Amino acid sequence: MAVYVYIVECADQTLYTGWTTDVDRRLKAHNAGRGAVYTRQRRPVRLVYLEELPDRRSALKRELQIKRMSRQGKLRLITEFSSK
């Protein structure tokens, strides 16, 4: 089963990183106020980065790597993703 790490940009231009097995369902949850506490006050959100990983363990490791990046590092990642 594929697992995804994603970054969404919130309405206040902050970035939120998470993981999921169903990207569409997760984005709908964020935008409906049922997602993470962080995004509830910052709706709407839009997907700006998506990375597929083979399993949950890999996704959790990658999520942590991205969360530890500076904002500039995340923006570079998003730019590389957008140019594909």
N, C-alpha and C. Protein backbone atom coordinates (compact mmCIF):
# COMPACT_ATOMS: atom_id res chain seq x y z
N MET A 1 0.83 -1.18 0.00
CA MET A 1 0.00 0.00 0.00
C MET A 1 0.88 1.25 0.00
N ALA A 2 0.59 2.16 -0.89
CA ALA A 2 1.35 3.41 -0.98
C ALA A 2 0.95 4.34 0.16
N VAL A 3 1.92 5.08 0.62
CA VAL A 3 1.72 6.08 1.66
C VAL A 3 2.34 7.37 1.13
N TYR A 4 1.74 8.49 1.47
CA TYR A 4 2.17 9.77 0.93
C TYR A 4 2.54 10.74 2.04
N VAL A 5 3.59 11.51 1.78
CA VAL A 5 3.95 12.65 2.62
C VAL A 5 3.56 13.86 1.80
N TYR A 6 2.95 14.84 2.46
CA TYR A 6 2.48 16.01 1.72
C TYR A 6 2.76 17.28 2.49
N ILE A 7 2.77 18.38 1.76
CA ILE A 7 2.83 19.71 2.36
C ILE A 7 1.65 20.48 1.80
N VAL A 8 0.92 21.13 2.70
CA VAL A 8 -0.14 22.03 2.27
C VAL A 8 0.24 23.45 2.67
N GLU A 9 -0.18 24.39 1.85
CA GLU A 9 -0.02 25.79 2.19
C GLU A 9 -1.35 26.27 2.76
N CYS A 10 -1.30 26.85 3.93
CA CYS A 10 -2.51 27.34 4.59
C CYS A 10 -2.85 28.74 4.09
N ALA A 11 -4.04 29.20 4.42
CA ALA A 11 -4.50 30.52 3.98
C ALA A 11 -3.57 31.64 4.45
N ASP A 12 -2.88 31.44 5.57
CA ASP A 12 -1.96 32.46 6.08
C ASP A 12 -0.53 32.27 5.57
N GLN A 13 -0.37 31.48 4.53
CA GLN A 13 0.91 31.18 3.86
C GLN A 13 1.88 30.34 4.70
N THR A 14 1.42 29.78 5.81
CA THR A 14 2.27 28.85 6.55
C THR A 14 2.18 27.49 5.88
N LEU A 15 3.13 26.63 6.20
CA LEU A 15 3.21 25.30 5.60
C LEU A 15 2.96 24.25 6.66
N TYR A 16 2.19 23.24 6.30
CA TYR A 16 1.91 22.12 7.20
C TYR A 16 2.32 20.84 6.49
N THR A 17 3.05 19.97 7.17
CA THR A 17 3.50 18.70 6.61
C THR A 17 2.81 17.56 7.33
N GLY A 18 2.36 16.56 6.57
CA GLY A 18 1.71 15.40 7.15
C GLY A 18 1.88 14.19 6.26
N TRP A 19 1.24 13.09 6.64
CA TRP A 19 1.28 11.87 5.84
C TRP A 19 -0.12 11.27 5.80
N THR A 20 -0.37 10.47 4.77
CA THR A 20 -1.68 9.86 4.60
C THR A 20 -1.60 8.70 3.62
N THR A 21 -2.63 7.89 3.61
CA THR A 21 -2.76 6.85 2.59
C THR A 21 -3.77 7.27 1.53
N ASP A 22 -4.52 8.34 1.79
CA ASP A 22 -5.55 8.83 0.86
C ASP A 22 -5.49 10.35 0.82
N VAL A 23 -4.82 10.88 -0.18
CA VAL A 23 -4.56 12.31 -0.26
C VAL A 23 -5.86 13.12 -0.38
N ASP A 24 -6.76 12.71 -1.26
CA ASP A 24 -8.01 13.46 -1.46
C ASP A 24 -8.82 13.53 -0.16
N ARG A 25 -8.96 12.40 0.51
CA ARG A 25 -9.71 12.36 1.76
C ARG A 25 -9.07 13.27 2.81
N ARG A 26 -7.75 13.25 2.88
CA ARG A 26 -7.04 14.07 3.88
C ARG A 26 -7.19 15.56 3.60
N LEU A 27 -7.10 15.96 2.33
CA LEU A 27 -7.27 17.37 1.99
C LEU A 27 -8.69 17.84 2.30
N LYS A 28 -9.67 17.00 1.99
CA LYS A 28 -11.05 17.34 2.31
C LYS A 28 -11.23 17.50 3.82
N ALA A 29 -10.59 16.63 4.59
CA ALA A 29 -10.67 16.71 6.05
C ALA A 29 -10.05 18.01 6.56
N HIS A 30 -8.87 18.36 6.03
CA HIS A 30 -8.23 19.62 6.44
C HIS A 30 -9.15 20.80 6.14
N ASN A 31 -9.71 20.83 4.94
CA ASN A 31 -10.53 21.98 4.54
C ASN A 31 -11.90 22.00 5.20
N ALA A 32 -12.32 20.88 5.75
CA ALA A 32 -13.60 20.82 6.47
C ALA A 32 -13.41 21.09 7.97
N GLY A 33 -12.16 21.30 8.40
CA GLY A 33 -11.90 21.56 9.81
C GLY A 33 -11.77 20.30 10.64
N ARG A 34 -11.67 19.15 9.98
CA ARG A 34 -11.54 17.88 10.69
C ARG A 34 -10.11 17.32 10.59
N GLY A 35 -9.22 18.08 10.02
CA GLY A 35 -7.83 17.65 9.89
C GLY A 35 -7.07 17.98 11.16
N ALA A 36 -5.82 18.29 10.98
CA ALA A 36 -4.96 18.63 12.11
C ALA A 36 -5.43 19.91 12.80
N VAL A 37 -5.19 19.99 14.08
CA VAL A 37 -5.55 21.18 14.86
C VAL A 37 -4.90 22.42 14.22
N TYR A 38 -3.67 22.28 13.77
CA TYR A 38 -2.95 23.42 13.18
C TYR A 38 -3.69 24.00 11.99
N THR A 39 -4.24 23.16 11.13
CA THR A 39 -4.88 23.66 9.91
C THR A 39 -6.32 24.14 10.13
N ARG A 40 -6.93 23.77 11.23
CA ARG A 40 -8.33 24.17 11.49
C ARG A 40 -8.52 25.68 11.48
N GLN A 41 -7.57 26.39 12.02
CA GLN A 41 -7.65 27.85 12.10
C GLN A 41 -7.07 28.54 10.87
N ARG A 42 -6.57 27.77 9.93
CA ARG A 42 -5.83 28.34 8.80
C ARG A 42 -6.38 27.90 7.45
N ARG A 43 -7.66 27.64 7.39
CA ARG A 43 -8.28 27.17 6.15
C ARG A 43 -8.57 28.34 5.22
N PRO A 44 -8.66 28.06 3.93
CA PRO A 44 -8.47 26.77 3.28
C PRO A 44 -6.99 26.45 3.08
N VAL A 45 -6.72 25.18 2.85
CA VAL A 45 -5.36 24.74 2.55
C VAL A 45 -5.33 24.24 1.12
N ARG A 46 -4.13 24.28 0.53
CA ARG A 46 -3.98 23.72 -0.82
C ARG A 46 -2.71 22.89 -0.87
N LEU A 47 -2.78 21.80 -1.59
CA LEU A 47 -1.65 20.89 -1.72
C LEU A 47 -0.56 21.53 -2.56
N VAL A 48 0.67 21.55 -2.02
CA VAL A 48 1.80 22.12 -2.77
C VAL A 48 2.94 21.12 -2.96
N TYR A 49 2.90 19.99 -2.26
CA TYR A 49 3.96 18.99 -2.38
C TYR A 49 3.39 17.62 -2.05
N LEU A 50 3.81 16.62 -2.82
CA LEU A 50 3.37 15.25 -2.59
C LEU A 50 4.49 14.30 -2.95
N GLU A 51 4.74 13.35 -2.06
CA GLU A 51 5.80 12.35 -2.28
C GLU A 51 5.25 10.98 -1.89
N GLU A 52 5.35 10.03 -2.80
CA GLU A 52 4.89 8.66 -2.52
C GLU A 52 6.01 7.85 -1.92
N LEU A 53 5.69 7.09 -0.88
CA LEU A 53 6.66 6.23 -0.21
C LEU A 53 6.07 4.83 -0.11
N PRO A 54 6.92 3.82 0.04
CA PRO A 54 6.42 2.44 -0.02
C PRO A 54 5.67 1.96 1.22
N ASP A 55 5.93 2.56 2.39
CA ASP A 55 5.28 2.08 3.61
C ASP A 55 5.19 3.19 4.65
N ARG A 56 4.45 2.91 5.69
CA ARG A 56 4.20 3.90 6.74
C ARG A 56 5.50 4.33 7.44
N ARG A 57 6.34 3.38 7.72
CA ARG A 57 7.61 3.69 8.41
C ARG A 57 8.45 4.69 7.61
N SER A 58 8.55 4.46 6.31
CA SER A 58 9.29 5.38 5.44
C SER A 58 8.63 6.75 5.42
N ALA A 59 7.31 6.76 5.39
CA ALA A 59 6.57 8.03 5.35
C ALA A 59 6.80 8.82 6.63
N LEU A 60 6.76 8.15 7.76
CA LEU A 60 6.97 8.85 9.04
C LEU A 60 8.38 9.42 9.14
N LYS A 61 9.37 8.67 8.65
CA LYS A 61 10.75 9.16 8.65
C LYS A 61 10.88 10.39 7.75
N ARG A 62 10.28 10.31 6.56
CA ARG A 62 10.36 11.42 5.61
C ARG A 62 9.62 12.64 6.14
N GLU A 63 8.47 12.42 6.76
CA GLU A 63 7.71 13.53 7.34
C GLU A 63 8.57 14.26 8.37
N LEU A 64 9.25 13.52 9.22
CA LEU A 64 10.11 14.13 10.23
C LEU A 64 11.26 14.90 9.59
N GLN A 65 11.86 14.33 8.53
CA GLN A 65 12.94 15.04 7.82
C GLN A 65 12.44 16.38 7.29
N ILE A 66 11.27 16.37 6.68
CA ILE A 66 10.73 17.61 6.11
C ILE A 66 10.38 18.59 7.22
N LYS A 67 9.78 18.13 8.29
CA LYS A 67 9.42 19.02 9.40
C LYS A 67 10.65 19.69 10.01
N ARG A 68 11.78 19.04 9.95
CA ARG A 68 13.02 19.61 10.51
C ARG A 68 13.68 20.61 9.56
N MET A 69 13.22 20.67 8.31
CA MET A 69 13.78 21.62 7.34
C MET A 69 13.36 23.04 7.70
N SER A 70 14.18 23.97 7.29
CA SER A 70 13.80 25.38 7.41
C SER A 70 12.69 25.67 6.41
N ARG A 71 12.05 26.80 6.57
CA ARG A 71 11.02 27.20 5.60
C ARG A 71 11.62 27.28 4.20
N GLN A 72 12.83 27.83 4.10
CA GLN A 72 13.50 27.93 2.80
C GLN A 72 13.73 26.56 2.18
N GLY A 73 14.12 25.59 2.99
CA GLY A 73 14.32 24.22 2.49
C GLY A 73 13.02 23.63 1.97
N LYS A 74 11.94 23.86 2.69
CA LYS A 74 10.62 23.37 2.26
C LYS A 74 10.20 24.04 0.97
N LEU A 75 10.45 25.34 0.85
CA LEU A 75 10.08 26.06 -0.37
C LEU A 75 10.88 25.55 -1.56
N ARG A 76 12.15 25.20 -1.36
CA ARG A 76 12.96 24.61 -2.44
C ARG A 76 12.37 23.27 -2.87
N LEU A 77 11.99 22.47 -1.89
CA LEU A 77 11.37 21.17 -2.17
C LEU A 77 10.09 21.36 -2.98
N ILE A 78 9.28 22.32 -2.59
CA ILE A 78 8.02 22.61 -3.29
C ILE A 78 8.31 23.07 -4.72
N THR A 79 9.30 23.93 -4.89
CA THR A 79 9.67 24.43 -6.21
C THR A 79 10.11 23.28 -7.11
N GLU A 80 10.93 22.38 -6.58
CA GLU A 80 11.38 21.22 -7.37
C GLU A 80 10.19 20.35 -7.76
N PHE A 81 9.26 20.16 -6.85
CA PHE A 81 8.07 19.35 -7.10
C PHE A 81 7.21 20.01 -8.18
N SER A 82 7.06 21.31 -8.11
CA SER A 82 6.20 22.05 -9.04
C SER A 82 6.77 22.06 -10.45
N SER A 83 8.10 21.96 -10.56
CA SER A 83 8.72 22.02 -11.88
C SER A 83 8.74 20.67 -12.60
N LYS A 84 8.25 19.62 -11.95
CA LYS A 84 8.22 18.28 -12.57
C LYS A 84 7.09 18.19 -13.57
